[in-house]
Amino acid sequence: MSEFAPYYRRHVFFCVNNREDGSVCCAKSGSQQMRDYAKAKIKSLGLAGKGEIRVNMSGCLDRCEEGPTIVVYPEGIWYTYVDQDDIDEIIQEHLLHGRIVERLRI
């Protein structure tokens, strides 16, 4: 067991990778806009910063065929999403209350 507390309670990575060859990728599904939306929402809830929730973008997470991808740590739970309602549900259920959103899990 580590003697150090995690810097963030939860760390969320949105794949925003754009594949130049035209193949399926998260960027073509609006992942940058959804990441920006999630980051602003977490900030508006007063949950951003040390000891709270961090929303980051990442390069390719290599699951593009399953839809735009998010991974939440420390749990290592992977999600896909369609719209802001799905992002709101992930924030409300998983990030705030620790309940995995099974219908969006990949």
N, C-alpha and C. Protein backbone atom coordinates (compact mmCIF):
# COMPACT_ATOMS: atom_id res chain seq x y z
N MET A 1 0.84 -1.18 0.00
CA MET A 1 0.00 0.00 0.00
C MET A 1 0.88 1.24 0.00
N SER A 2 0.53 2.21 -0.82
CA SER A 2 1.31 3.43 -0.94
C SER A 2 1.05 4.36 0.24
N GLU A 3 2.09 5.05 0.66
CA GLU A 3 1.93 6.01 1.73
C GLU A 3 1.47 7.37 1.22
N PHE A 4 1.36 7.49 -0.11
CA PHE A 4 0.97 8.74 -0.73
C PHE A 4 -0.48 8.69 -1.19
N ALA A 5 -1.21 9.75 -0.92
CA ALA A 5 -2.58 9.86 -1.42
C ALA A 5 -2.51 10.25 -2.89
N PRO A 6 -3.45 9.78 -3.72
CA PRO A 6 -3.44 10.19 -5.13
C PRO A 6 -3.62 11.70 -5.26
N TYR A 7 -2.99 12.27 -6.26
CA TYR A 7 -3.09 13.71 -6.48
C TYR A 7 -4.51 14.11 -6.84
N TYR A 8 -5.18 13.26 -7.66
CA TYR A 8 -6.58 13.48 -8.03
C TYR A 8 -7.41 12.31 -7.54
N ARG A 9 -8.61 12.58 -7.12
CA ARG A 9 -9.54 11.52 -6.72
C ARG A 9 -9.92 10.68 -7.94
N ARG A 10 -10.15 11.36 -9.05
CA ARG A 10 -10.42 10.69 -10.32
C ARG A 10 -9.72 11.47 -11.44
N HIS A 11 -9.20 10.73 -12.39
CA HIS A 11 -8.51 11.33 -13.53
C HIS A 11 -9.15 10.76 -14.79
N VAL A 12 -9.69 11.64 -15.63
CA VAL A 12 -10.48 11.26 -16.80
C VAL A 12 -9.72 11.64 -18.07
N PHE A 13 -9.53 10.66 -18.94
CA PHE A 13 -8.85 10.90 -20.20
C PHE A 13 -9.81 10.70 -21.36
N PHE A 14 -9.93 11.73 -22.19
CA PHE A 14 -10.72 11.69 -23.42
C PHE A 14 -9.77 11.51 -24.58
N CYS A 15 -9.94 10.45 -25.35
CA CYS A 15 -9.17 10.32 -26.58
C CYS A 15 -9.64 11.39 -27.55
N VAL A 16 -8.71 12.17 -28.07
CA VAL A 16 -9.02 13.19 -29.08
C VAL A 16 -8.19 12.97 -30.34
N ASN A 17 -7.71 11.75 -30.50
CA ASN A 17 -6.85 11.42 -31.62
C ASN A 17 -7.57 11.58 -32.96
N ASN A 18 -6.84 12.13 -33.93
CA ASN A 18 -7.34 12.28 -35.29
C ASN A 18 -6.46 11.45 -36.21
N ARG A 19 -7.05 10.46 -36.86
CA ARG A 19 -6.30 9.64 -37.81
C ARG A 19 -6.38 10.28 -39.18
N GLU A 20 -5.24 10.71 -39.67
CA GLU A 20 -5.15 11.41 -40.94
C GLU A 20 -5.50 10.54 -42.14
N ASP A 21 -5.44 9.23 -41.97
CA ASP A 21 -5.71 8.33 -43.11
C ASP A 21 -7.20 8.14 -43.39
N GLY A 22 -8.05 8.80 -42.62
CA GLY A 22 -9.48 8.72 -42.84
C GLY A 22 -10.18 7.59 -42.10
N SER A 23 -9.43 6.77 -41.39
CA SER A 23 -10.05 5.67 -40.66
C SER A 23 -10.77 6.19 -39.41
N VAL A 24 -11.56 5.33 -38.81
CA VAL A 24 -12.35 5.68 -37.64
C VAL A 24 -11.45 6.21 -36.53
N CYS A 25 -11.87 7.32 -35.92
CA CYS A 25 -11.12 7.88 -34.80
C CYS A 25 -12.05 8.72 -33.93
N CYS A 26 -11.62 8.95 -32.71
CA CYS A 26 -12.44 9.68 -31.76
C CYS A 26 -12.67 11.14 -32.16
N ALA A 27 -11.66 11.77 -32.76
CA ALA A 27 -11.79 13.18 -33.14
C ALA A 27 -12.96 13.40 -34.09
N LYS A 28 -13.21 12.45 -34.97
CA LYS A 28 -14.30 12.59 -35.93
C LYS A 28 -15.68 12.46 -35.27
N SER A 29 -15.69 12.07 -34.00
CA SER A 29 -16.95 11.95 -33.25
C SER A 29 -17.15 13.12 -32.29
N GLY A 30 -16.36 14.17 -32.45
CA GLY A 30 -16.52 15.35 -31.61
C GLY A 30 -15.92 15.22 -30.22
N SER A 31 -14.89 14.41 -30.09
CA SER A 31 -14.33 14.15 -28.77
C SER A 31 -13.71 15.39 -28.12
N GLN A 32 -13.13 16.27 -28.91
CA GLN A 32 -12.54 17.50 -28.33
C GLN A 32 -13.64 18.36 -27.70
N GLN A 33 -14.76 18.51 -28.38
CA GLN A 33 -15.87 19.30 -27.84
C GLN A 33 -16.44 18.66 -26.58
N MET A 34 -16.55 17.33 -26.56
CA MET A 34 -17.07 16.64 -25.38
C MET A 34 -16.10 16.74 -24.21
N ARG A 35 -14.81 16.69 -24.49
CA ARG A 35 -13.80 16.88 -23.44
C ARG A 35 -13.90 18.29 -22.88
N ASP A 36 -14.02 19.29 -23.76
CA ASP A 36 -14.14 20.68 -23.30
C ASP A 36 -15.39 20.85 -22.45
N TYR A 37 -16.48 20.23 -22.88
CA TYR A 37 -17.74 20.29 -22.13
C TYR A 37 -17.57 19.67 -20.73
N ALA A 38 -16.97 18.48 -20.67
CA ALA A 38 -16.77 17.80 -19.38
C ALA A 38 -15.87 18.61 -18.46
N LYS A 39 -14.81 19.15 -19.01
CA LYS A 39 -13.87 19.96 -18.20
C LYS A 39 -14.57 21.18 -17.62
N ALA A 40 -15.35 21.87 -18.43
CA ALA A 40 -16.10 23.05 -17.96
C ALA A 40 -17.14 22.66 -16.92
N LYS A 41 -17.80 21.54 -17.12
CA LYS A 41 -18.83 21.07 -16.18
C LYS A 41 -18.21 20.75 -14.82
N ILE A 42 -17.10 20.03 -14.83
CA ILE A 42 -16.41 19.70 -13.57
C ILE A 42 -15.97 20.97 -12.86
N LYS A 43 -15.45 21.92 -13.62
CA LYS A 43 -15.03 23.19 -13.03
C LYS A 43 -16.22 23.95 -12.45
N SER A 44 -17.35 23.97 -13.16
CA SER A 44 -18.54 24.69 -12.67
C SER A 44 -19.12 24.05 -11.41
N LEU A 45 -18.87 22.77 -11.23
CA LEU A 45 -19.33 22.07 -10.02
C LEU A 45 -18.36 22.24 -8.86
N GLY A 46 -17.25 22.94 -9.09
CA GLY A 46 -16.26 23.16 -8.05
C GLY A 46 -15.45 21.91 -7.74
N LEU A 47 -15.32 21.02 -8.73
CA LEU A 47 -14.65 19.74 -8.49
C LEU A 47 -13.33 19.59 -9.22
N ALA A 48 -12.79 20.69 -9.73
CA ALA A 48 -11.51 20.63 -10.45
C ALA A 48 -10.37 20.92 -9.49
N GLY A 49 -9.21 20.32 -9.75
CA GLY A 49 -8.02 20.65 -8.98
C GLY A 49 -7.55 19.53 -8.08
N LYS A 50 -6.49 19.80 -7.36
CA LYS A 50 -5.84 18.82 -6.50
C LYS A 50 -6.84 18.17 -5.55
N GLY A 51 -6.78 16.86 -5.49
CA GLY A 51 -7.65 16.12 -4.60
C GLY A 51 -9.04 15.89 -5.15
N GLU A 52 -9.31 16.41 -6.32
CA GLU A 52 -10.65 16.30 -6.91
C GLU A 52 -10.58 15.56 -8.25
N ILE A 53 -11.11 16.16 -9.29
CA ILE A 53 -11.23 15.50 -10.59
C ILE A 53 -10.46 16.29 -11.63
N ARG A 54 -9.70 15.58 -12.43
CA ARG A 54 -8.95 16.18 -13.53
C ARG A 54 -9.45 15.59 -14.84
N VAL A 55 -9.78 16.44 -15.80
CA VAL A 55 -10.21 16.00 -17.13
C VAL A 55 -9.11 16.39 -18.12
N ASN A 56 -8.56 15.39 -18.80
CA ASN A 56 -7.48 15.60 -19.77
C ASN A 56 -7.84 15.02 -21.12
N MET A 57 -7.13 15.47 -22.13
CA MET A 57 -7.23 14.82 -23.42
C MET A 57 -6.03 13.88 -23.54
N SER A 58 -6.21 12.85 -24.36
CA SER A 58 -5.11 11.92 -24.60
C SER A 58 -5.00 11.69 -26.10
N GLY A 59 -3.89 11.09 -26.46
CA GLY A 59 -3.74 10.60 -27.82
C GLY A 59 -4.54 9.32 -27.95
N CYS A 60 -4.23 8.56 -28.96
CA CYS A 60 -5.00 7.36 -29.27
C CYS A 60 -5.00 6.36 -28.12
N LEU A 61 -6.20 5.95 -27.74
CA LEU A 61 -6.37 4.90 -26.73
C LEU A 61 -6.63 3.54 -27.39
N ASP A 62 -6.65 3.53 -28.73
CA ASP A 62 -6.71 2.31 -29.54
C ASP A 62 -7.99 1.50 -29.38
N ARG A 63 -9.12 2.19 -29.14
CA ARG A 63 -10.42 1.51 -29.09
C ARG A 63 -11.44 2.25 -29.93
N CYS A 64 -10.98 2.90 -30.98
CA CYS A 64 -11.81 3.77 -31.82
C CYS A 64 -13.03 3.06 -32.41
N GLU A 65 -12.88 1.79 -32.71
CA GLU A 65 -13.98 1.06 -33.33
C GLU A 65 -15.18 0.93 -32.40
N GLU A 66 -14.98 1.18 -31.10
CA GLU A 66 -16.06 1.08 -30.12
C GLU A 66 -16.73 2.42 -29.86
N GLY A 67 -16.33 3.43 -30.60
CA GLY A 67 -16.89 4.77 -30.44
C GLY A 67 -15.90 5.67 -29.73
N PRO A 68 -16.23 6.96 -29.57
CA PRO A 68 -15.33 7.86 -28.86
C PRO A 68 -15.10 7.31 -27.46
N THR A 69 -13.87 7.43 -26.98
CA THR A 69 -13.45 6.71 -25.79
C THR A 69 -12.99 7.62 -24.66
N ILE A 70 -13.41 7.22 -23.44
CA ILE A 70 -12.98 7.85 -22.19
C ILE A 70 -12.48 6.74 -21.29
N VAL A 71 -11.43 7.00 -20.52
CA VAL A 71 -11.02 6.07 -19.47
C VAL A 71 -10.91 6.86 -18.17
N VAL A 72 -11.44 6.29 -17.10
CA VAL A 72 -11.47 6.93 -15.78
C VAL A 72 -10.55 6.16 -14.83
N TYR A 73 -9.60 6.87 -14.25
CA TYR A 73 -8.71 6.30 -13.24
C TYR A 73 -9.00 6.94 -11.89
N PRO A 74 -8.79 6.24 -10.79
CA PRO A 74 -7.94 5.05 -10.67
C PRO A 74 -8.63 3.73 -10.99
N GLU A 75 -9.91 3.73 -11.25
CA GLU A 75 -10.63 2.48 -11.45
C GLU A 75 -10.28 1.78 -12.76
N GLY A 76 -9.85 2.53 -13.78
CA GLY A 76 -9.54 1.94 -15.07
C GLY A 76 -10.80 1.53 -15.82
N ILE A 77 -11.87 2.31 -15.69
CA ILE A 77 -13.14 2.01 -16.35
C ILE A 77 -13.18 2.75 -17.69
N TRP A 78 -13.51 2.02 -18.74
CA TRP A 78 -13.58 2.56 -20.10
C TRP A 78 -15.03 2.80 -20.49
N TYR A 79 -15.26 3.95 -21.13
CA TYR A 79 -16.60 4.32 -21.59
C TYR A 79 -16.56 4.76 -23.05
N THR A 80 -17.72 4.66 -23.68
CA THR A 80 -17.98 5.35 -24.93
C THR A 80 -19.18 6.25 -24.67
N TYR A 81 -19.48 7.14 -25.59
CA TYR A 81 -20.57 8.09 -25.41
C TYR A 81 -21.06 8.56 -26.77
N VAL A 82 -22.26 9.16 -26.76
CA VAL A 82 -22.84 9.69 -27.99
C VAL A 82 -22.97 11.20 -27.91
N ASP A 83 -23.39 11.71 -26.75
CA ASP A 83 -23.71 13.14 -26.65
C ASP A 83 -23.48 13.65 -25.23
N GLN A 84 -23.85 14.91 -25.01
CA GLN A 84 -23.66 15.55 -23.70
C GLN A 84 -24.45 14.85 -22.60
N ASP A 85 -25.60 14.29 -22.94
CA ASP A 85 -26.37 13.56 -21.92
C ASP A 85 -25.57 12.38 -21.38
N ASP A 86 -24.85 11.69 -22.25
CA ASP A 86 -24.01 10.58 -21.79
C ASP A 86 -22.87 11.09 -20.91
N ILE A 87 -22.26 12.20 -21.29
CA ILE A 87 -21.19 12.79 -20.48
C ILE A 87 -21.74 13.20 -19.12
N ASP A 88 -22.92 13.83 -19.10
CA ASP A 88 -23.54 14.21 -17.84
C ASP A 88 -23.79 13.00 -16.95
N GLU A 89 -24.23 11.90 -17.55
CA GLU A 89 -24.49 10.69 -16.77
C GLU A 89 -23.20 10.12 -16.18
N ILE A 90 -22.13 10.12 -16.95
CA ILE A 90 -20.83 9.65 -16.44
C ILE A 90 -20.37 10.54 -15.30
N ILE A 91 -20.51 11.85 -15.46
CA ILE A 91 -20.11 12.78 -14.40
C ILE A 91 -20.94 12.54 -13.15
N GLN A 92 -22.25 12.52 -13.31
CA GLN A 92 -23.15 12.38 -12.16
C GLN A 92 -22.97 11.03 -11.45
N GLU A 93 -22.99 9.98 -12.22
CA GLU A 93 -22.97 8.65 -11.61
C GLU A 93 -21.56 8.21 -11.19
N HIS A 94 -20.63 8.22 -12.12
CA HIS A 94 -19.31 7.68 -11.80
C HIS A 94 -18.42 8.69 -11.07
N LEU A 95 -18.26 9.86 -11.65
CA LEU A 95 -17.30 10.79 -11.07
C LEU A 95 -17.76 11.34 -9.72
N LEU A 96 -19.04 11.59 -9.57
CA LEU A 96 -19.53 12.14 -8.31
C LEU A 96 -19.91 11.07 -7.29
N HIS A 97 -20.47 9.94 -7.76
CA HIS A 97 -21.01 8.97 -6.82
C HIS A 97 -20.34 7.60 -6.87
N GLY A 98 -19.37 7.41 -7.76
CA GLY A 98 -18.63 6.16 -7.80
C GLY A 98 -19.40 4.98 -8.38
N ARG A 99 -20.50 5.24 -9.07
CA ARG A 99 -21.30 4.17 -9.66
C ARG A 99 -20.99 4.05 -11.15
N ILE A 100 -20.54 2.90 -11.57
CA ILE A 100 -20.19 2.67 -12.97
C ILE A 100 -21.45 2.71 -13.83
N VAL A 101 -21.37 3.38 -14.96
CA VAL A 101 -22.48 3.48 -15.91
C VAL A 101 -22.33 2.31 -16.88
N GLU A 102 -22.96 1.20 -16.54
CA GLU A 102 -22.78 -0.04 -17.31
C GLU A 102 -23.21 0.11 -18.77
N ARG A 103 -24.25 0.86 -19.05
CA ARG A 103 -24.74 0.95 -20.43
C ARG A 103 -23.73 1.63 -21.36
N LEU A 104 -22.79 2.41 -20.81
CA LEU A 104 -21.79 3.09 -21.62
C LEU A 104 -20.41 2.45 -21.53
N ARG A 105 -20.30 1.43 -20.71
CA ARG A 105 -19.00 0.79 -20.48
C ARG A 105 -18.58 -0.04 -21.69
N ILE A 106 -17.28 0.03 -22.00
CA ILE A 106 -16.71 -0.82 -23.06
C ILE A 106 -15.57 -1.64 -22.48
